[in-house]
Amino acid sequence: MTKTGTSPYDVAKHLRTPEEMAAYLEAAMEEADGDARFVAKVLYDIARAKGMSQVASDAGRA
């Protein structure tokens, strides 16, 4: 019998465009049901997808 391997899924690797990130955030907001930790995790995923250095740079220009 052959064993099937698994690996962790990282959503940040699949968020490639601003539109995908916005759709992910919008879906999360609909599902969050007031859970701030859930929304924070989603924002963290988006930040990782954009690249933390880019986020920091953008924040400095605000």
Protein backbone atom coordinates (compact mmCIF):
# COMPACT_ATOMS: atom_id res chain seq x y z
CA MET A 1 0.00 0.00 0.00
CA THR A 2 1.38 3.38 -1.01
CA LYS A 3 1.33 6.16 1.56
CA THR A 4 0.14 9.58 0.51
CA GLY A 5 2.09 12.52 1.87
CA THR A 6 0.56 15.79 2.87
CA SER A 7 1.94 19.24 3.42
CA PRO A 8 0.58 22.33 5.20
CA TYR A 9 -1.53 24.67 3.07
CA ASP A 10 -0.37 28.29 3.03
CA VAL A 11 -3.00 30.63 1.60
CA ALA A 12 -0.44 33.45 1.31
CA LYS A 13 1.23 31.55 -1.53
CA HIS A 14 -2.00 31.70 -3.52
CA LEU A 15 -2.93 35.37 -3.06
CA ARG A 16 -1.24 36.90 -6.07
CA THR A 17 -3.21 40.01 -6.98
CA PRO A 18 -4.84 42.85 -5.06
CA GLU A 19 -8.19 41.58 -6.33
CA GLU A 20 -7.58 38.11 -4.87
CA MET A 21 -6.51 39.64 -1.57
CA ALA A 22 -9.62 41.84 -1.46
CA ALA A 23 -11.88 38.88 -2.24
CA TYR A 24 -10.21 36.83 0.51
CA LEU A 25 -10.70 39.66 3.02
CA GLU A 26 -14.31 40.21 1.95
CA ALA A 27 -15.12 36.51 2.33
CA ALA A 28 -13.43 36.45 5.72
CA MET A 29 -15.40 39.46 6.92
CA GLU A 30 -18.63 37.70 5.96
CA GLU A 31 -17.61 34.52 7.81
CA ALA A 32 -15.92 36.12 10.85
CA ASP A 33 -19.14 36.58 12.85
CA GLY A 34 -17.44 39.20 15.02
CA ASP A 35 -14.28 37.13 15.64
CA ALA A 36 -11.47 39.72 15.60
CA ARG A 37 -8.81 36.99 15.85
CA PHE A 38 -10.08 35.42 12.64
CA VAL A 39 -9.92 38.75 10.81
CA ALA A 40 -6.46 39.44 12.23
CA LYS A 41 -5.26 36.07 10.87
CA VAL A 42 -6.62 36.93 7.44
CA LEU A 43 -4.89 40.32 7.49
CA TYR A 44 -1.67 38.56 8.51
CA ASP A 45 -2.04 36.17 5.54
CA ILE A 46 -2.51 39.13 3.20
CA ALA A 47 0.49 40.95 4.67
CA ARG A 48 2.64 37.86 4.16
CA ALA A 49 1.39 37.56 0.60
CA LYS A 50 2.35 41.15 -0.15
CA GLY A 51 5.64 40.84 1.62
CA MET A 52 6.16 42.28 5.04
CA SER A 53 8.79 44.75 3.82
CA GLN A 54 6.38 46.13 1.21
CA VAL A 55 3.70 46.57 3.88
CA ALA A 56 6.13 48.43 6.11
CA SER A 57 7.20 50.63 3.22
CA ASP A 58 3.59 51.41 2.29
CA ALA A 59 2.77 52.28 5.91
CA GLY A 60 5.62 54.79 5.99
CA ARG A 61 4.21 56.66 2.99
CA ALA A 62 0.70 57.05 4.40
